[in-house]
Amino acid sequence: QVQVVESGGGLVQPGESLRITCAATGFTHANYAMSWYRQAPGKERELVAAITSTGITTSYPDSVKGRFNISRHRIKSTIYLQMNDLKPEDTAVYLCKLRLLSTDFWGQGTQVTVSS
């Protein structure tokens, strides 16, 4: 059974950094893609970053470019999102998506709150 689990969210002050993690388990297929989305109250879900199992990444939206970086564990189907210089507008639930054999699997999300 495929599972996607995010962790590492929390409350931080503006300007601080945070790294969140997403672990996908329950499959053995070597080719997949994983991505981070975020959704703030009253706003549409926004793609933040994506990475394939071979390490190819997508471009970042202007809202996070230069501040966020997606990476992956070399062996495990685990990805990370390093978020630097966080701003109040980064406050959202961050969700991880696994794309495997044309099927999307979502995690429950991890809350990131940026506030002084």
PDB file of N, CA and C in Angstrom:
ATOM      1  N   GLN A   1       0.846  -1.188   0.000  1.00  0.00           N
ATOM      2  CA  GLN A   1       0.000   0.000   0.000  1.00  0.00           C
ATOM      3  C   GLN A   1       0.884   1.242   0.000  1.00  0.00           C
ATOM      4  N   VAL A   2       0.662   2.091  -0.965  1.00  0.00           N
ATOM      5  CA  VAL A   2       1.468   3.309  -1.072  1.00  0.00           C
ATOM      6  C   VAL A   2       1.052   4.303   0.002  1.00  0.00           C
ATOM      7  N   GLN A   3       2.036   4.862   0.668  1.00  0.00           N
ATOM      8  CA  GLN A   3       1.781   5.892   1.673  1.00  0.00           C
ATOM      9  C   GLN A   3       2.714   7.066   1.442  1.00  0.00           C
ATOM     10  N   VAL A   4       2.177   8.242   1.667  1.00  0.00           N
ATOM     11  CA  VAL A   4       2.947   9.481   1.538  1.00  0.00           C
ATOM     12  C   VAL A   4       2.785  10.245   2.847  1.00  0.00           C
ATOM     13  N   VAL A   5       3.890  10.535   3.498  1.00  0.00           N
ATOM     14  CA  VAL A   5       3.827  11.158   4.816  1.00  0.00           C
ATOM     15  C   VAL A   5       4.776  12.353   4.867  1.00  0.00           C
ATOM     16  N   GLU A   6       4.210  13.507   5.198  1.00  0.00           N
ATOM     17  CA  GLU A   6       5.008  14.719   5.366  1.00  0.00           C
ATOM     18  C   GLU A   6       5.331  14.927   6.838  1.00  0.00           C
ATOM     19  N   SER A   7       6.423  15.622   7.090  1.00  0.00           N
ATOM     20  CA  SER A   7       6.790  15.960   8.464  1.00  0.00           C
ATOM     21  C   SER A   7       7.680  17.190   8.454  1.00  0.00           C
ATOM     22  N   GLY A   8       7.819  17.799   9.631  1.00  0.00           N
ATOM     23  CA  GLY A   8       8.760  18.893   9.790  1.00  0.00           C
ATOM     24  C   GLY A   8       8.175  20.280   9.812  1.00  0.00           C
ATOM     25  N   GLY A   9       6.876  20.405   9.652  1.00  0.00           N
ATOM     26  CA  GLY A   9       6.279  21.731   9.696  1.00  0.00           C
ATOM     27  C   GLY A   9       6.318  22.317  11.099  1.00  0.00           C
ATOM     28  N   GLY A  10       5.943  23.575  11.189  1.00  0.00           N
ATOM     29  CA  GLY A  10       5.921  24.214  12.496  1.00  0.00           C
ATOM     30  C   GLY A  10       5.737  25.712  12.389  1.00  0.00           C
ATOM     31  N   LEU A  11       5.963  26.360  13.512  1.00  0.00           N
ATOM     32  CA  LEU A  11       5.837  27.814  13.608  1.00  0.00           C
ATOM     33  C   LEU A  11       7.235  28.430  13.619  1.00  0.00           C
ATOM     34  N   VAL A  12       7.484  29.334  12.698  1.00  0.00           N
ATOM     35  CA  VAL A  12       8.760  30.024  12.639  1.00  0.00           C
ATOM     36  C   VAL A  12       8.523  31.524  12.479  1.00  0.00           C
ATOM     37  N   GLN A  13       9.558  32.285  12.762  1.00  0.00           N
ATOM     38  CA  GLN A  13       9.464  33.728  12.608  1.00  0.00           C
ATOM     39  C   GLN A  13       9.917  34.134  11.199  1.00  0.00           C
ATOM     40  N   PRO A  14       9.456  35.280  10.738  1.00  0.00           N
ATOM     41  CA  PRO A  14       9.902  35.749   9.415  1.00  0.00           C
ATOM     42  C   PRO A  14      11.423  35.807   9.348  1.00  0.00           C
ATOM     43  N   GLY A  15      11.955  35.378   8.209  1.00  0.00           N
ATOM     44  CA  GLY A  15      13.393  35.364   8.007  1.00  0.00           C
ATOM     45  C   GLY A  15      14.070  34.073   8.394  1.00  0.00           C
ATOM     46  N   GLU A  16      13.361  33.228   9.130  1.00  0.00           N
ATOM     47  CA  GLU A  16      13.953  31.964   9.555  1.00  0.00           C
ATOM     48  C   GLU A  16      13.844  30.908   8.457  1.00  0.00           C
ATOM     49  N   SER A  17      14.472  29.766   8.729  1.00  0.00           N
ATOM     50  CA  SER A  17      14.481  28.661   7.772  1.00  0.00           C
ATOM     51  C   SER A  17      13.792  27.448   8.368  1.00  0.00           C
ATOM     52  N   LEU A  18      13.351  26.571   7.481  1.00  0.00           N
ATOM     53  CA  LEU A  18      12.689  25.342   7.908  1.00  0.00           C
ATOM     54  C   LEU A  18      12.874  24.314   6.799  1.00  0.00           C
ATOM     55  N   ARG A  19      13.069  23.067   7.180  1.00  0.00           N
ATOM     56  CA  ARG A  19      13.131  21.999   6.193  1.00  0.00           C
ATOM     57  C   ARG A  19      12.019  20.995   6.483  1.00  0.00           C
ATOM     58  N   ILE A  20      11.211  20.714   5.473  1.00  0.00           N
ATOM     59  CA  ILE A  20      10.166  19.719   5.611  1.00  0.00           C
ATOM     60  C   ILE A  20      10.512  18.503   4.761  1.00  0.00           C
ATOM     61  N   THR A  21       9.967  17.373   5.188  1.00  0.00           N
ATOM     62  CA  THR A  21      10.323  16.086   4.597  1.00  0.00           C
ATOM     63  C   THR A  21       9.073  15.350   4.134  1.00  0.00           C
ATOM     64  N   CYS A  22       9.220  14.614   3.050  1.00  0.00           N
ATOM     65  CA  CYS A  22       8.138  13.768   2.567  1.00  0.00           C
ATOM     66  C   CYS A  22       8.706  12.393   2.248  1.00  0.00           C
ATOM     67  N   ALA A  23       8.132  11.383   2.868  1.00  0.00           N
ATOM     68  CA  ALA A  23       8.573  10.011   2.631  1.00  0.00           C
ATOM     69  C   ALA A  23       7.446   9.215   1.977  1.00  0.00           C
ATOM     70  N   ALA A  24       7.768   8.575   0.865  1.00  0.00           N
ATOM     71  CA  ALA A  24       6.798   7.733   0.164  1.00  0.00           C
ATOM     72  C   ALA A  24       7.237   6.281   0.279  1.00  0.00           C
ATOM     73  N   THR A  25       6.337   5.429   0.674  1.00  0.00           N
ATOM     74  CA  THR A  25       6.655   4.020   0.866  1.00  0.00           C
ATOM     75  C   THR A  25       5.591   3.139   0.225  1.00  0.00           C
ATOM     76  N   GLY A  26       5.896   1.844   0.154  1.00  0.00           N
ATOM     77  CA  GLY A  26       4.918   0.881  -0.328  1.00  0.00           C
ATOM     78  C   GLY A  26       4.962   0.609  -1.820  1.00  0.00           C
ATOM     79  N   PHE A  27       6.061   0.972  -2.472  1.00  0.00           N
ATOM     80  CA  PHE A  27       6.192   0.670  -3.895  1.00  0.00           C
ATOM     81  C   PHE A  27       7.657   0.397  -4.209  1.00  0.00           C
ATOM     82  N   THR A  28       7.875  -0.264  -5.347  1.00  0.00           N
ATOM     83  CA  THR A  28       9.240  -0.603  -5.741  1.00  0.00           C
ATOM     84  C   THR A  28       9.602  -0.064  -7.118  1.00  0.00           C
ATOM     85  N   HIS A  29       8.633   0.523  -7.814  1.00  0.00           N
ATOM     86  CA  HIS A  29       8.925   1.040  -9.145  1.00  0.00           C
ATOM     87  C   HIS A  29       9.991   2.112  -9.068  1.00  0.00           C
ATOM     88  N   ALA A  30      10.926   2.081  -9.989  1.00  0.00           N
ATOM     89  CA  ALA A  30      12.067   2.985  -9.910  1.00  0.00           C
ATOM     90  C   ALA A  30      11.788   4.375 -10.460  1.00  0.00           C
ATOM     91  N   ASN A  31      10.815   4.508 -11.331  1.00  0.00           N
ATOM     92  CA  ASN A  31      10.545   5.799 -11.966  1.00  0.00           C
ATOM     93  C   ASN A  31       9.304   6.439 -11.374  1.00  0.00           C
ATOM     94  N   TYR A  32       9.477   7.589 -10.797  1.00  0.00           N
ATOM     95  CA  TYR A  32       8.369   8.307 -10.191  1.00  0.00           C
ATOM     96  C   TYR A  32       8.765   9.770 -10.081  1.00  0.00           C
ATOM     97  N   ALA A  33       7.827  10.573  -9.718  1.00  0.00           N
ATOM     98  CA  ALA A  33       8.092  11.986  -9.454  1.00  0.00           C
ATOM     99  C   ALA A  33       7.395  12.378  -8.160  1.00  0.00           C
ATOM    100  N   MET A  34       8.014  13.274  -7.452  1.00  0.00           N
ATOM    101  CA  MET A  34       7.421  13.765  -6.212  1.00  0.00           C
ATOM    102  C   MET A  34       7.437  15.287  -6.235  1.00  0.00           C
ATOM    103  N   SER A  35       6.469  15.863  -5.622  1.00  0.00           N
ATOM    104  CA  SER A  35       6.370  17.319  -5.659  1.00  0.00           C
ATOM    105  C   SER A  35       5.783  17.863  -4.372  1.00  0.00           C
ATOM    106  N   TRP A  36       6.060  19.124  -4.170  1.00  0.00           N
ATOM    107  CA  TRP A  36       5.495  19.876  -3.038  1.00  0.00           C
ATOM    108  C   TRP A  36       4.489  20.886  -3.576  1.00  0.00           C
ATOM    109  N   TYR A  37       3.334  20.896  -2.954  1.00  0.00           N
ATOM    110  CA  TYR A  37       2.326  21.909  -3.178  1.00  0.00           C
ATOM    111  C   TYR A  37       2.084  22.604  -1.853  1.00  0.00           C
ATOM    112  N   ARG A  38       1.450  23.756  -1.936  1.00  0.00           N
ATOM    113  CA  ARG A  38       0.999  24.396  -0.711  1.00  0.00           C
ATOM    114  C   ARG A  38      -0.368  25.000  -0.928  1.00  0.00           C
ATOM    115  N   GLN A  39      -1.105  25.063   0.147  1.00  0.00           N
ATOM    116  CA  GLN A  39      -2.443  25.643   0.094  1.00  0.00           C
ATOM    117  C   GLN A  39      -2.686  26.476   1.329  1.00  0.00           C
ATOM    118  N   ALA A  40      -2.917  27.746   1.089  1.00  0.00           N
ATOM    119  CA  ALA A  40      -3.244  28.670   2.170  1.00  0.00           C
ATOM    120  C   ALA A  40      -4.760  28.818   2.239  1.00  0.00           C
ATOM    121  N   PRO A  41      -5.288  29.196   3.402  1.00  0.00           N
ATOM    122  CA  PRO A  41      -6.744  29.359   3.538  1.00  0.00           C
ATOM    123  C   PRO A  41      -7.302  30.309   2.487  1.00  0.00           C
ATOM    124  N   GLY A  42      -8.324  29.869   1.798  1.00  0.00           N
ATOM    125  CA  GLY A  42      -8.982  30.712   0.808  1.00  0.00           C
ATOM    126  C   GLY A  42      -8.262  30.850  -0.512  1.00  0.00           C
ATOM    127  N   LYS A  43      -7.155  30.116  -0.665  1.00  0.00           N
ATOM    128  CA  LYS A  43      -6.373  30.210  -1.901  1.00  0.00           C
ATOM    129  C   LYS A  43      -6.312  28.859  -2.593  1.00  0.00           C
ATOM    130  N   GLU A  44      -6.000  28.895  -3.875  1.00  0.00           N
ATOM    131  CA  GLU A  44      -5.853  27.656  -4.630  1.00  0.00           C
ATOM    132  C   GLU A  44      -4.546  26.961  -4.277  1.00  0.00           C
ATOM    133  N   ARG A  45      -4.555  25.664  -4.491  1.00  0.00           N
ATOM    134  CA  ARG A  45      -3.341  24.897  -4.264  1.00  0.00           C
ATOM    135  C   ARG A  45      -2.289  25.312  -5.294  1.00  0.00           C
ATOM    136  N   GLU A  46      -1.077  25.512  -4.826  1.00  0.00           N
ATOM    137  CA  GLU A  46       0.002  26.030  -5.667  1.00  0.00           C
ATOM    138  C   GLU A  46       1.153  25.035  -5.706  1.00  0.00           C
ATOM    139  N   LEU A  47       1.635  24.732  -6.905  1.00  0.00           N
ATOM    140  CA  LEU A  47       2.819  23.899  -7.035  1.00  0.00           C
ATOM    141  C   LEU A  47       4.049  24.707  -6.631  1.00  0.00           C
ATOM    142  N   VAL A  48       4.828  24.153  -5.721  1.00  0.00           N
ATOM    143  CA  VAL A  48       6.020  24.841  -5.236  1.00  0.00           C
ATOM    144  C   VAL A  48       7.281  24.306  -5.914  1.00  0.00           C
ATOM    145  N   ALA A  49       7.386  22.981  -5.985  1.00  0.00           N
ATOM    146  CA  ALA A  49       8.584  22.381  -6.580  1.00  0.00           C
ATOM    147  C   ALA A  49       8.324  20.912  -6.852  1.00  0.00           C
ATOM    148  N   ALA A  50       9.049  20.363  -7.807  1.00  0.00           N
ATOM    149  CA  ALA A  50       8.898  18.947  -8.147  1.00  0.00           C
ATOM    150  C   ALA A  50      10.258  18.370  -8.513  1.00  0.00           C
ATOM    151  N   ILE A  51      10.385  17.070  -8.302  1.00  0.00           N
ATOM    152  CA  ILE A  51      11.642  16.398  -8.603  1.00  0.00           C
ATOM    153  C   ILE A  51      11.348  14.968  -9.032  1.00  0.00           C
ATOM    154  N   THR A  52      12.104  14.472 -10.001  1.00  0.00           N
ATOM    155  CA  THR A  52      11.913  13.092 -10.436  1.00  0.00           C
ATOM    156  C   THR A  52      12.849  12.170  -9.660  1.00  0.00           C
ATOM    157  N   SER A  53      12.652  10.892  -9.871  1.00  0.00           N
ATOM    158  CA  SER A  53      13.492   9.913  -9.187  1.00  0.00           C
ATOM    159  C   SER A  53      14.937   9.966  -9.683  1.00  0.00           C
ATOM    160  N   THR A  54      15.158  10.618 -10.820  1.00  0.00           N
ATOM    161  CA  THR A  54      16.526  10.765 -11.339  1.00  0.00           C
ATOM    162  C   THR A  54      17.114  12.129 -10.982  1.00  0.00           C
ATOM    163  N   GLY A  55      16.374  12.911 -10.225  1.00  0.00           N
ATOM    164  CA  GLY A  55      16.912  14.172  -9.735  1.00  0.00           C
ATOM    165  C   GLY A  55      16.611  15.394 -10.573  1.00  0.00           C
ATOM    166  N   ILE A  56      15.798  15.239 -11.596  1.00  0.00           N
ATOM    167  CA  ILE A  56      15.449  16.394 -12.422  1.00  0.00           C
ATOM    168  C   ILE A  56      14.399  17.225 -11.688  1.00  0.00           C
ATOM    169  N   THR A  57      14.638  18.508 -11.600  1.00  0.00           N
ATOM    170  CA  THR A  57      13.712  19.385 -10.888  1.00  0.00           C
ATOM    171  C   THR A  57      13.022  20.345 -11.850  1.00  0.00           C
ATOM    172  N   THR A  58      11.892  20.843 -11.440  1.00  0.00           N
ATOM    173  CA  THR A  58      11.180  21.848 -12.211  1.00  0.00           C
ATOM    174  C   THR A  58      11.609  23.233 -11.743  1.00  0.00           C
ATOM    175  N   SER A  59      11.233  24.216 -12.489  1.00  0.00           N
ATOM    176  CA  SER A  59      11.520  25.576 -12.056  1.00  0.00           C
ATOM    177  C   SER A  59      10.563  25.953 -10.929  1.00  0.00           C
ATOM    178  N   TYR A  60      10.991  26.883 -10.146  1.00  0.00           N
ATOM    179  CA  TYR A  60      10.200  27.317  -9.005  1.00  0.00           C
ATOM    180  C   TYR A  60       9.343  28.527  -9.385  1.00  0.00           C
ATOM    181  N   PRO A  61       8.189  28.670  -8.780  1.00  0.00           N
ATOM    182  CA  PRO A  61       7.405  29.880  -9.021  1.00  0.00           C
ATOM    183  C   PRO A  61       8.139  31.095  -8.457  1.00  0.00           C
ATOM    184  N   ASP A  62       7.855  32.238  -9.008  1.00  0.00           N
ATOM    185  CA  ASP A  62       8.528  33.467  -8.573  1.00  0.00           C
ATOM    186  C   ASP A  62       8.375  33.712  -7.072  1.00  0.00           C
ATOM    187  N   SER A  63       7.271  33.236  -6.511  1.00  0.00           N
ATOM    188  CA  SER A  63       6.997  33.497  -5.096  1.00  0.00           C
ATOM    189  C   SER A  63       8.027  32.843  -4.173  1.00  0.00           C
ATOM    190  N   VAL A  64       8.706  31.791  -4.640  1.00  0.00           N
ATOM    191  CA  VAL A  64       9.666  31.094  -3.775  1.00  0.00           C
ATOM    192  C   VAL A  64      11.051  30.991  -4.397  1.00  0.00           C
ATOM    193  N   LYS A  65      11.194  31.435  -5.619  1.00  0.00           N
ATOM    194  CA  LYS A  65      12.468  31.308  -6.331  1.00  0.00           C
ATOM    195  C   LYS A  65      13.590  31.984  -5.552  1.00  0.00           C
ATOM    196  N   GLY A  66      14.693  31.290  -5.413  1.00  0.00           N
ATOM    197  CA  GLY A  66      15.833  31.820  -4.676  1.00  0.00           C
ATOM    198  C   GLY A  66      15.774  31.589  -3.183  1.00  0.00           C
ATOM    199  N   ARG A  67      14.621  31.148  -2.694  1.00  0.00           N
ATOM    200  CA  ARG A  67      14.475  30.907  -1.247  1.00  0.00           C
ATOM    201  C   ARG A  67      14.231  29.435  -0.922  1.00  0.00           C
ATOM    202  N   PHE A  68      13.556  28.743  -1.797  1.00  0.00           N
ATOM    203  CA  PHE A  68      13.205  27.337  -1.557  1.00  0.00           C
ATOM    204  C   PHE A  68      14.055  26.432  -2.449  1.00  0.00           C
ATOM    205  N   ASN A  69      14.352  25.256  -1.932  1.00  0.00           N
ATOM    206  CA  ASN A  69      15.106  24.292  -2.725  1.00  0.00           C
ATOM    207  C   ASN A  69      14.612  22.881  -2.445  1.00  0.00           C
ATOM    208  N   ILE A  70      14.295  22.144  -3.497  1.00  0.00           N
ATOM    209  CA  ILE A  70      13.849  20.766  -3.348  1.00  0.00           C
ATOM    210  C   ILE A  70      15.035  19.831  -3.591  1.00  0.00           C
ATOM    211  N   SER A  71      15.096  18.784  -2.813  1.00  0.00           N
ATOM    212  CA  SER A  71      16.146  17.784  -3.005  1.00  0.00           C
ATOM    213  C   SER A  71      15.591  16.416  -2.653  1.00  0.00           C
ATOM    214  N   ARG A  72      16.376  15.381  -2.911  1.00  0.00           N
ATOM    215  CA  ARG A  72      15.896  14.033  -2.632  1.00  0.00           C
ATOM    216  C   ARG A  72      16.979  13.219  -1.957  1.00  0.00           C
ATOM    217  N   HIS A  73      16.518  12.201  -1.253  1.00  0.00           N
ATOM    218  CA  HIS A  73      17.465  11.268  -0.678  1.00  0.00           C
ATOM    219  C   HIS A  73      18.030  10.446  -1.826  1.00  0.00           C
ATOM    220  N   ARG A  74      19.289  10.129  -1.759  1.00  0.00           N
ATOM    221  CA  ARG A  74      19.951   9.432  -2.869  1.00  0.00           C
ATOM    222  C   ARG A  74      19.366   8.035  -3.097  1.00  0.00           C
ATOM    223  N   ILE A  75      18.874   7.407  -2.053  1.00  0.00           N
ATOM    224  CA  ILE A  75      18.397   6.031  -2.178  1.00  0.00           C
ATOM    225  C   ILE A  75      16.896   5.916  -1.904  1.00  0.00           C
ATOM    226  N   LYS A  76      16.449   6.500  -0.822  1.00  0.00           N
ATOM    227  CA  LYS A  76      15.049   6.356  -0.427  1.00  0.00           C
ATOM    228  C   LYS A  76      14.160   7.265  -1.255  1.00  0.00           C
ATOM    229  N   SER A  77      12.882   6.921  -1.339  1.00  0.00           N
ATOM    230  CA  SER A  77      11.899   7.774  -2.014  1.00  0.00           C
ATOM    231  C   SER A  77      11.434   8.838  -1.035  1.00  0.00           C
ATOM    232  N   THR A  78      12.358   9.697  -0.700  1.00  0.00           N
ATOM    233  CA  THR A  78      12.132  10.766   0.257  1.00  0.00           C
ATOM    234  C   THR A  78      12.630  12.069  -0.355  1.00  0.00           C
ATOM    235  N   ILE A  79      11.836  13.102  -0.195  1.00  0.00           N
ATOM    236  CA  ILE A  79      12.243  14.409  -0.682  1.00  0.00           C
ATOM    237  C   ILE A  79      12.192  15.417   0.455  1.00  0.00           C
ATOM    238  N   TYR A  80      12.885  16.499   0.228  1.00  0.00           N
ATOM    239  CA  TYR A  80      12.972  17.552   1.221  1.00  0.00           C
ATOM    240  C   TYR A  80      12.653  18.890   0.539  1.00  0.00           C
ATOM    241  N   LEU A  81      12.170  19.809   1.338  1.00  0.00           N
ATOM    242  CA  LEU A  81      11.998  21.173   0.860  1.00  0.00           C
ATOM    243  C   LEU A  81      12.668  22.078   1.885  1.00  0.00           C
ATOM    244  N   GLN A  82      13.790  22.647   1.479  1.00  0.00           N
ATOM    245  CA  GLN A  82      14.488  23.605   2.322  1.00  0.00           C
ATOM    246  C   GLN A  82      13.915  24.982   2.037  1.00  0.00           C
ATOM    247  N   MET A  83      13.405  25.611   3.054  1.00  0.00           N
ATOM    248  CA  MET A  83      12.766  26.922   2.902  1.00  0.00           C
ATOM    249  C   MET A  83      13.544  27.943   3.718  1.00  0.00           C
ATOM    250  N   ASN A  84      14.088  28.916   3.032  1.00  0.00           N
ATOM    251  CA  ASN A  84      14.877  29.958   3.681  1.00  0.00           C
ATOM    252  C   ASN A  84      14.179  31.310   3.573  1.00  0.00           C
ATOM    253  N   ASP A  85      14.569  32.206   4.466  1.00  0.00           N
ATOM    254  CA  ASP A  85      14.004  33.557   4.460  1.00  0.00           C
ATOM    255  C   ASP A  85      12.478  33.507   4.370  1.00  0.00           C
ATOM    256  N   LEU A  86      11.894  32.756   5.263  1.00  0.00           N
ATOM    257  CA  LEU A  86      10.442  32.570   5.211  1.00  0.00           C
ATOM    258  C   LEU A  86       9.700  33.864   5.474  1.00  0.00           C
ATOM    259  N   LYS A  87       8.574  34.000   4.806  1.00  0.00           N
ATOM    260  CA  LYS A  87       7.739  35.197   4.896  1.00  0.00           C
ATOM    261  C   LYS A  87       6.349  34.800   5.380  1.00  0.00           C
ATOM    262  N   PRO A  88       5.619  35.729   5.966  1.00  0.00           N
ATOM    263  CA  PRO A  88       4.254  35.391   6.416  1.00  0.00           C
ATOM    264  C   PRO A  88       3.393  34.815   5.286  1.00  0.00           C
ATOM    265  N   GLU A  89       3.620  35.256   4.071  1.00  0.00           N
ATOM    266  CA  GLU A  89       2.823  34.749   2.954  1.00  0.00           C
ATOM    267  C   GLU A  89       3.171  33.318   2.566  1.00  0.00           C
ATOM    268  N   ASP A  90       4.200  32.752   3.188  1.00  0.00           N
ATOM    269  CA  ASP A  90       4.520  31.338   2.976  1.00  0.00           C
ATOM    270  C   ASP A  90       3.684  30.431   3.871  1.00  0.00           C
ATOM    271  N   THR A  91       2.930  31.032   4.770  1.00  0.00           N
ATOM    272  CA  THR A  91       2.081  30.253   5.657  1.00  0.00           C
ATOM    273  C   THR A  91       1.057  29.461   4.857  1.00  0.00           C
ATOM    274  N   ALA A  92       1.057  28.159   5.066  1.00  0.00           N
ATOM    275  CA  ALA A  92       0.166  27.280   4.313  1.00  0.00           C
ATOM    276  C   ALA A  92       0.320  25.858   4.829  1.00  0.00           C
ATOM    277  N   VAL A  93      -0.572  25.011   4.379  1.00  0.00           N
ATOM    278  CA  VAL A  93      -0.363  23.569   4.520  1.00  0.00           C
ATOM    279  C   VAL A  93       0.456  23.126   3.315  1.00  0.00           C
ATOM    280  N   TYR A  94       1.543  22.463   3.594  1.00  0.00           N
ATOM    281  CA  TYR A  94       2.420  21.977   2.522  1.00  0.00           C
ATOM    282  C   TYR A  94       2.124  20.501   2.307  1.00  0.00           C
ATOM    283  N   LEU A  95       1.770  20.180   1.075  1.00  0.00           N
ATOM    284  CA  LEU A  95       1.366  18.816   0.744  1.00  0.00           C
ATOM    285  C   LEU A  95       2.351  18.203  -0.234  1.00  0.00           C
ATOM    286  N   CYS A  96       2.560  16.926  -0.063  1.00  0.00           N
ATOM    287  CA  CYS A  96       3.458  16.184  -0.930  1.00  0.00           C
ATOM    288  C   CYS A  96       2.644  15.278  -1.841  1.00  0.00           C
ATOM    289  N   LYS A  97       3.053  15.212  -3.082  1.00  0.00           N
ATOM    290  CA  LYS A  97       2.383  14.341  -4.036  1.00  0.00           C
ATOM    291  C   LYS A  97       3.392  13.410  -4.683  1.00  0.00           C
ATOM    292  N   LEU A  98       3.026  12.147  -4.723  1.00  0.00           N
ATOM    293  CA  LEU A  98       3.804  11.136  -5.443  1.00  0.00           C
ATOM    294  C   LEU A  98       3.066  10.817  -6.733  1.00  0.00           C
ATOM    295  N   ARG A  99       3.772  10.906  -7.853  1.00  0.00           N
ATOM    296  CA  ARG A  99       3.216  10.525  -9.145  1.00  0.00           C
ATOM    297  C   ARG A  99       3.868   9.213  -9.555  1.00  0.00           C
ATOM    298  N   LEU A 100       3.062   8.157  -9.582  1.00  0.00           N
ATOM    299  CA  LEU A 100       3.593   6.819  -9.830  1.00  0.00           C
ATOM    300  C   LEU A 100       2.684   6.099 -10.816  1.00  0.00           C
ATOM    301  N   LEU A 101       3.221   5.733 -11.944  1.00  0.00           N
ATOM    302  CA  LEU A 101       2.452   4.992 -12.954  1.00  0.00           C
ATOM    303  C   LEU A 101       1.132   5.690 -13.263  1.00  0.00           C
ATOM    304  N   SER A 102       1.200   6.984 -13.503  1.00  0.00           N
ATOM    305  CA  SER A 102       0.049   7.809 -13.884  1.00  0.00           C
ATOM    306  C   SER A 102      -0.989   7.952 -12.782  1.00  0.00           C
ATOM    307  N   THR A 103      -0.638   7.626 -11.569  1.00  0.00           N
ATOM    308  CA  THR A 103      -1.549   7.779 -10.425  1.00  0.00           C
ATOM    309  C   THR A 103      -0.910   8.723  -9.413  1.00  0.00           C
ATOM    310  N   ASP A 104      -1.730   9.604  -8.859  1.00  0.00           N
ATOM    311  CA  ASP A 104      -1.250  10.555  -7.852  1.00  0.00           C
ATOM    312  C   ASP A 104      -1.634  10.067  -6.468  1.00  0.00           C
ATOM    313  N   PHE A 105      -0.657  10.116  -5.566  1.00  0.00           N
ATOM    314  CA  PHE A 105      -0.875   9.789  -4.161  1.00  0.00           C
ATOM    315  C   PHE A 105      -0.492  11.020  -3.343  1.00  0.00           C
ATOM    316  N   TRP A 106      -1.409  11.444  -2.482  1.00  0.00           N
ATOM    317  CA  TRP A 106      -1.185  12.654  -1.689  1.00  0.00           C
ATOM    318  C   TRP A 106      -0.992  12.310  -0.221  1.00  0.00           C
ATOM    319  N   GLY A 107      -0.167  13.120   0.424  1.00  0.00           N
ATOM    320  CA  GLY A 107      -0.068  13.037   1.859  1.00  0.00           C
ATOM    321  C   GLY A 107      -1.112  13.918   2.516  1.00  0.00           C
ATOM    322  N   GLN A 108      -1.110  13.910   3.844  1.00  0.00           N
ATOM    323  CA  GLN A 108      -2.085  14.698   4.600  1.00  0.00           C
ATOM    324  C   GLN A 108      -1.659  16.154   4.746  1.00  0.00           C
ATOM    325  N   GLY A 109      -0.380  16.422   4.540  1.00  0.00           N
ATOM    326  CA  GLY A 109       0.099  17.788   4.641  1.00  0.00           C
ATOM    327  C   GLY A 109       0.748  18.088   5.978  1.00  0.00           C
ATOM    328  N   THR A 110       1.583  19.102   5.972  1.00  0.00           N
ATOM    329  CA  THR A 110       2.204  19.596   7.200  1.00  0.00           C
ATOM    330  C   THR A 110       2.071  21.110   7.233  1.00  0.00           C
ATOM    331  N   GLN A 111       1.651  21.629   8.365  1.00  0.00           N
ATOM    332  CA  GLN A 111       1.382  23.058   8.493  1.00  0.00           C
ATOM    333  C   GLN A 111       2.673  23.833   8.713  1.00  0.00           C
ATOM    334  N   VAL A 112       2.851  24.863   7.929  1.00  0.00           N
ATOM    335  CA  VAL A 112       3.960  25.798   8.119  1.00  0.00           C
ATOM    336  C   VAL A 112       3.348  27.162   8.383  1.00  0.00           C
ATOM    337  N   THR A 113       3.689  27.726   9.526  1.00  0.00           N
ATOM    338  CA  THR A 113       3.175  29.037   9.909  1.00  0.00           C
ATOM    339  C   THR A 113       4.342  29.972  10.141  1.00  0.00           C
ATOM    340  N   VAL A 114       4.324  31.091   9.447  1.00  0.00           N
ATOM    341  CA  VAL A 114       5.379  32.099   9.582  1.00  0.00           C
ATOM    342  C   VAL A 114       4.757  33.330  10.217  1.00  0.00           C
ATOM    343  N   SER A 115       5.158  33.601  11.423  1.00  0.00           N
ATOM    344  CA  SER A 115       4.550  34.696  12.162  1.00  0.00           C
ATOM    345  C   SER A 115       5.488  35.175  13.251  1.00  0.00           C
ATOM    346  N   SER A 116       5.439  36.477  13.502  1.00  0.00           N
ATOM    347  CA  SER A 116       6.236  37.031  14.601  1.00  0.00           C
ATOM    348  C   SER A 116       5.397  37.111  15.881  1.00  0.00           C
TER     349      SER A 116
END
